[in-house]
């Protein structure tokens, strides 16, 4: 899977609660940094998404993907089940081979 497809699959997994596939996209030493917290390790991140995420009935609507040698930047917004746009985000993904190693989230 190319990097752009991997990023799209990442969001599909979040929206569909497909945590096993999500786990396979992330390197074991995956790190996510976001304004309110940091997750170190794939297991910590997937566990949070699976059982501690405050709002789960959402979709990620991507507007732009920008592929560059250092990684991929994704711009979009998170939409609630009722169609309300909750917030915009920019995610910057870094890879090692075909797995995501780092994710910087700006919201």
N, C-alpha and C. Protein backbone atom coordinates (compact mmCIF):
# COMPACT_ATOMS: atom_id res chain seq x y z
N UNK A 1 0.86 -1.17 0.00
CA UNK A 1 0.00 0.00 0.00
C UNK A 1 0.90 1.23 0.00
N UNK A 2 0.61 2.20 -0.87
CA UNK A 2 1.43 3.42 -0.87
C UNK A 2 1.04 4.30 0.33
N UNK A 3 1.85 5.32 0.58
CA UNK A 3 1.65 6.14 1.78
C UNK A 3 0.32 6.87 1.79
N UNK A 4 -0.10 7.38 0.65
CA UNK A 4 -1.39 8.08 0.59
C UNK A 4 -2.53 7.13 0.92
N UNK A 5 -2.50 5.93 0.35
CA UNK A 5 -3.53 4.93 0.66
C UNK A 5 -3.48 4.55 2.13
N UNK A 6 -2.30 4.50 2.71
CA UNK A 6 -2.15 4.17 4.13
C UNK A 6 -2.81 5.24 5.00
N UNK A 7 -2.62 6.51 4.65
CA UNK A 7 -3.25 7.60 5.41
C UNK A 7 -4.77 7.52 5.30
N UNK A 8 -5.26 7.30 4.11
CA UNK A 8 -6.72 7.17 3.93
C UNK A 8 -7.25 5.97 4.74
N UNK A 9 -6.52 4.89 4.74
CA UNK A 9 -6.92 3.70 5.50
C UNK A 9 -6.90 3.98 7.00
N UNK A 10 -5.94 4.77 7.47
CA UNK A 10 -5.86 5.16 8.88
C UNK A 10 -7.19 5.81 9.31
N UNK A 11 -7.66 6.78 8.52
CA UNK A 11 -8.91 7.46 8.88
C UNK A 11 -10.11 6.53 8.74
N UNK A 12 -10.12 5.66 7.74
CA UNK A 12 -11.21 4.70 7.60
C UNK A 12 -11.28 3.81 8.83
N UNK A 13 -10.13 3.37 9.32
CA UNK A 13 -10.09 2.52 10.51
C UNK A 13 -10.64 3.25 11.73
N UNK A 14 -10.26 4.50 11.92
CA UNK A 14 -10.79 5.27 13.05
C UNK A 14 -12.31 5.38 12.96
N UNK A 15 -12.81 5.72 11.78
CA UNK A 15 -14.24 5.94 11.61
C UNK A 15 -15.05 4.65 11.71
N UNK A 16 -14.46 3.52 11.33
CA UNK A 16 -15.17 2.23 11.32
C UNK A 16 -14.87 1.39 12.56
N UNK A 17 -14.12 1.93 13.52
CA UNK A 17 -13.72 1.18 14.71
C UNK A 17 -13.01 -0.12 14.35
N UNK A 18 -12.18 -0.07 13.32
CA UNK A 18 -11.43 -1.24 12.85
C UNK A 18 -10.02 -1.18 13.46
N UNK A 19 -9.93 -1.56 14.72
CA UNK A 19 -8.69 -1.36 15.46
C UNK A 19 -7.61 -2.37 15.12
N UNK A 20 -7.97 -3.55 14.67
CA UNK A 20 -6.95 -4.51 14.27
C UNK A 20 -6.22 -4.04 13.01
N UNK A 21 -6.97 -3.53 12.04
CA UNK A 21 -6.32 -3.00 10.85
C UNK A 21 -5.52 -1.75 11.20
N UNK A 22 -6.08 -0.90 12.05
CA UNK A 22 -5.35 0.29 12.49
C UNK A 22 -4.01 -0.11 13.09
N UNK A 23 -4.02 -1.10 13.95
CA UNK A 23 -2.79 -1.59 14.59
C UNK A 23 -1.75 -1.99 13.54
N UNK A 24 -2.20 -2.62 12.46
CA UNK A 24 -1.26 -3.08 11.43
C UNK A 24 -0.64 -1.94 10.63
N UNK A 25 -1.27 -0.77 10.65
CA UNK A 25 -0.73 0.38 9.91
C UNK A 25 0.37 1.10 10.69
N UNK A 26 0.41 0.87 11.99
CA UNK A 26 1.31 1.61 12.88
C UNK A 26 2.52 0.77 13.26
N UNK A 27 3.68 1.41 13.28
CA UNK A 27 4.90 0.75 13.75
C UNK A 27 4.78 0.50 15.25
N UNK A 28 5.44 -0.54 15.78
CA UNK A 28 5.36 -0.81 17.22
C UNK A 28 5.76 0.39 18.08
N UNK A 29 6.73 1.18 17.61
CA UNK A 29 7.19 2.34 18.38
C UNK A 29 6.52 3.65 17.93
N UNK A 30 5.35 3.54 17.34
CA UNK A 30 4.57 4.69 16.88
C UNK A 30 4.41 5.72 17.99
N UNK A 31 4.46 7.00 17.61
CA UNK A 31 4.25 8.11 18.55
C UNK A 31 3.27 9.09 17.92
N UNK A 32 2.27 9.50 18.69
CA UNK A 32 1.40 10.59 18.27
C UNK A 32 1.54 11.73 19.26
N UNK A 33 1.75 12.92 18.71
CA UNK A 33 1.80 14.13 19.52
C UNK A 33 0.65 15.02 19.08
N UNK A 34 -0.11 15.49 20.06
CA UNK A 34 -1.21 16.41 19.77
C UNK A 34 -1.25 17.45 20.88
N UNK A 35 -2.02 18.51 20.71
CA UNK A 35 -1.97 19.60 21.70
C UNK A 35 -2.27 19.19 23.14
N UNK A 36 -3.12 18.19 23.34
CA UNK A 36 -3.53 17.85 24.70
C UNK A 36 -2.83 16.65 25.31
N UNK A 37 -2.07 15.89 24.49
CA UNK A 37 -1.42 14.69 25.04
C UNK A 37 -0.46 14.09 24.03
N UNK A 38 0.29 13.11 24.49
CA UNK A 38 1.19 12.35 23.61
C UNK A 38 1.01 10.87 23.91
N UNK A 39 1.01 10.07 22.85
CA UNK A 39 0.94 8.61 22.98
C UNK A 39 2.26 8.04 22.49
N UNK A 40 2.87 7.21 23.31
CA UNK A 40 4.11 6.55 22.94
C UNK A 40 3.83 5.05 22.86
N UNK A 41 3.99 4.52 21.67
CA UNK A 41 3.75 3.11 21.43
C UNK A 41 2.40 2.86 20.78
N UNK A 42 2.41 1.95 19.83
CA UNK A 42 1.20 1.58 19.08
C UNK A 42 0.10 1.10 20.02
N UNK A 43 0.44 0.26 21.00
CA UNK A 43 -0.58 -0.30 21.88
C UNK A 43 -1.29 0.77 22.70
N UNK A 44 -0.54 1.75 23.20
CA UNK A 44 -1.14 2.83 23.98
C UNK A 44 -2.11 3.65 23.13
N UNK A 45 -1.72 3.93 21.90
CA UNK A 45 -2.57 4.72 21.01
C UNK A 45 -3.84 3.95 20.65
N UNK A 46 -3.70 2.71 20.24
CA UNK A 46 -4.87 1.93 19.82
C UNK A 46 -5.80 1.70 21.02
N UNK A 47 -5.25 1.45 22.18
CA UNK A 47 -6.07 1.26 23.38
C UNK A 47 -6.90 2.51 23.67
N UNK A 48 -6.29 3.68 23.57
CA UNK A 48 -7.02 4.93 23.78
C UNK A 48 -8.15 5.07 22.76
N UNK A 49 -7.83 4.85 21.49
CA UNK A 49 -8.83 5.02 20.44
C UNK A 49 -9.99 4.03 20.61
N UNK A 50 -9.66 2.85 21.09
CA UNK A 50 -10.66 1.80 21.24
C UNK A 50 -11.57 2.01 22.44
N UNK A 51 -11.03 2.50 23.57
CA UNK A 51 -11.84 2.50 24.78
C UNK A 51 -11.89 3.81 25.55
N UNK A 52 -11.09 4.80 25.17
CA UNK A 52 -11.07 6.03 25.96
C UNK A 52 -11.38 7.30 25.16
N UNK A 53 -11.51 7.18 23.87
CA UNK A 53 -11.79 8.35 23.03
C UNK A 53 -13.13 8.95 23.47
N UNK A 54 -13.18 10.26 23.74
CA UNK A 54 -14.41 10.85 24.28
C UNK A 54 -15.59 10.86 23.30
N UNK A 55 -15.34 11.05 22.02
CA UNK A 55 -16.42 11.06 21.02
C UNK A 55 -16.03 10.08 19.93
N UNK A 56 -16.84 9.04 19.75
CA UNK A 56 -16.47 7.99 18.80
C UNK A 56 -17.35 7.96 17.55
N UNK A 57 -18.53 8.54 17.62
CA UNK A 57 -19.45 8.50 16.48
C UNK A 57 -19.18 9.68 15.56
N UNK A 58 -18.00 9.66 14.94
CA UNK A 58 -17.56 10.75 14.07
C UNK A 58 -16.98 10.18 12.78
N UNK A 59 -16.82 11.07 11.81
CA UNK A 59 -16.09 10.73 10.59
C UNK A 59 -15.05 11.81 10.34
N UNK A 60 -13.99 11.40 9.69
CA UNK A 60 -12.92 12.32 9.29
C UNK A 60 -13.09 12.61 7.81
N UNK A 61 -13.41 13.84 7.49
CA UNK A 61 -13.57 14.23 6.10
C UNK A 61 -12.29 14.94 5.66
N UNK A 62 -11.56 14.29 4.75
CA UNK A 62 -10.30 14.84 4.26
C UNK A 62 -10.56 15.82 3.13
N UNK A 63 -9.88 16.95 3.19
CA UNK A 63 -9.97 17.96 2.15
C UNK A 63 -8.73 17.90 1.26
N UNK A 64 -7.55 17.75 1.90
CA UNK A 64 -6.29 17.79 1.17
C UNK A 64 -5.30 16.80 1.76
N UNK A 65 -4.58 16.11 0.88
CA UNK A 65 -3.42 15.32 1.26
C UNK A 65 -2.24 15.86 0.49
N UNK A 66 -1.16 16.13 1.19
CA UNK A 66 0.05 16.66 0.56
C UNK A 66 1.19 15.69 0.84
N UNK A 67 1.66 15.02 -0.22
CA UNK A 67 2.73 14.03 -0.09
C UNK A 67 4.06 14.71 -0.36
N UNK A 68 4.99 14.56 0.56
CA UNK A 68 6.32 15.14 0.44
C UNK A 68 7.34 14.08 0.84
N UNK A 69 8.60 14.25 0.51
CA UNK A 69 9.60 13.24 0.86
C UNK A 69 9.65 12.88 2.35
N UNK A 70 9.41 13.84 3.22
CA UNK A 70 9.49 13.57 4.66
C UNK A 70 8.22 12.95 5.23
N UNK A 71 7.11 12.96 4.48
CA UNK A 71 5.87 12.41 5.00
C UNK A 71 4.66 12.95 4.28
N UNK A 72 3.51 12.82 4.89
CA UNK A 72 2.25 13.27 4.31
C UNK A 72 1.54 14.15 5.31
N UNK A 73 1.02 15.29 4.83
CA UNK A 73 0.17 16.15 5.64
C UNK A 73 -1.26 15.98 5.17
N UNK A 74 -2.17 15.84 6.12
CA UNK A 74 -3.59 15.68 5.83
C UNK A 74 -4.35 16.82 6.48
N UNK A 75 -5.22 17.46 5.71
CA UNK A 75 -6.07 18.53 6.24
C UNK A 75 -7.52 18.10 6.07
N UNK A 76 -8.32 18.31 7.11
CA UNK A 76 -9.73 17.98 7.02
C UNK A 76 -10.46 18.44 8.26
N UNK A 77 -11.65 17.87 8.46
CA UNK A 77 -12.39 18.18 9.66
C UNK A 77 -13.13 16.94 10.15
N UNK A 78 -13.38 16.95 11.45
CA UNK A 78 -14.09 15.86 12.10
C UNK A 78 -15.56 16.25 12.17
N UNK A 79 -16.42 15.32 11.73
CA UNK A 79 -17.85 15.59 11.63
C UNK A 79 -18.60 14.64 12.56
N UNK A 80 -19.51 15.19 13.34
CA UNK A 80 -20.35 14.40 14.25
C UNK A 80 -21.41 13.65 13.45
N UNK A 81 -22.05 12.69 14.10
CA UNK A 81 -23.08 11.88 13.46
C UNK A 81 -24.23 12.72 12.93
N UNK A 82 -24.50 13.86 13.57
CA UNK A 82 -25.60 14.72 13.12
C UNK A 82 -25.18 15.67 11.99
N UNK A 83 -23.94 15.53 11.52
CA UNK A 83 -23.46 16.36 10.41
C UNK A 83 -22.74 17.63 10.82
N UNK A 84 -22.71 17.92 12.11
CA UNK A 84 -22.04 19.13 12.59
C UNK A 84 -20.52 18.95 12.51
N UNK A 85 -19.85 19.96 11.94
CA UNK A 85 -18.39 19.95 11.91
C UNK A 85 -17.88 20.31 13.31
N UNK A 86 -17.11 19.42 13.92
CA UNK A 86 -16.64 19.63 15.28
C UNK A 86 -15.36 20.46 15.34
N UNK A 87 -14.41 20.15 14.46
CA UNK A 87 -13.17 20.92 14.40
C UNK A 87 -12.38 20.54 13.16
N UNK A 88 -11.47 21.43 12.78
CA UNK A 88 -10.54 21.18 11.68
C UNK A 88 -9.26 20.59 12.26
N UNK A 89 -8.51 19.89 11.42
CA UNK A 89 -7.24 19.33 11.86
C UNK A 89 -6.24 19.32 10.71
N UNK A 90 -5.00 19.30 11.09
CA UNK A 90 -3.89 18.98 10.20
C UNK A 90 -3.10 17.89 10.89
N UNK A 91 -2.93 16.77 10.21
CA UNK A 91 -2.12 15.66 10.72
C UNK A 91 -0.91 15.51 9.81
N UNK A 92 0.25 15.37 10.41
CA UNK A 92 1.48 15.15 9.65
C UNK A 92 1.99 13.75 9.99
N UNK A 93 2.03 12.89 8.98
CA UNK A 93 2.42 11.49 9.13
C UNK A 93 3.86 11.29 8.66
N UNK A 94 4.61 10.50 9.42
CA UNK A 94 5.95 10.07 9.01
C UNK A 94 5.95 8.54 8.97
N UNK A 95 6.78 8.00 8.08
CA UNK A 95 6.74 6.57 7.80
C UNK A 95 8.13 5.94 7.91
N UNK A 96 8.13 4.65 8.17
CA UNK A 96 9.30 3.80 7.99
C UNK A 96 8.79 2.64 7.16
N UNK A 97 9.19 2.60 5.90
CA UNK A 97 8.64 1.60 4.99
C UNK A 97 7.16 1.85 4.80
N UNK A 98 6.35 0.85 5.07
CA UNK A 98 4.91 0.99 4.85
C UNK A 98 4.13 1.17 6.16
N UNK A 99 4.82 1.48 7.25
CA UNK A 99 4.14 1.71 8.53
C UNK A 99 4.31 3.15 8.98
N UNK A 100 3.28 3.66 9.66
CA UNK A 100 3.31 5.00 10.22
C UNK A 100 4.12 4.96 11.50
N UNK A 101 5.13 5.83 11.61
CA UNK A 101 5.97 5.86 12.80
C UNK A 101 5.65 7.05 13.71
N UNK A 102 5.23 8.17 13.11
CA UNK A 102 4.94 9.37 13.90
C UNK A 102 3.73 10.07 13.30
N UNK A 103 2.97 10.70 14.20
CA UNK A 103 1.83 11.51 13.79
C UNK A 103 1.79 12.74 14.66
N UNK A 104 1.92 13.89 14.03
CA UNK A 104 1.79 15.18 14.72
C UNK A 104 0.40 15.72 14.36
N UNK A 105 -0.43 15.99 15.36
CA UNK A 105 -1.78 16.46 15.13
C UNK A 105 -1.91 17.90 15.60
N UNK A 106 -2.48 18.72 14.73
CA UNK A 106 -2.75 20.13 15.03
C UNK A 106 -4.24 20.35 14.84
N UNK A 107 -4.90 20.82 15.89
CA UNK A 107 -6.36 21.02 15.80
C UNK A 107 -6.73 22.37 16.39
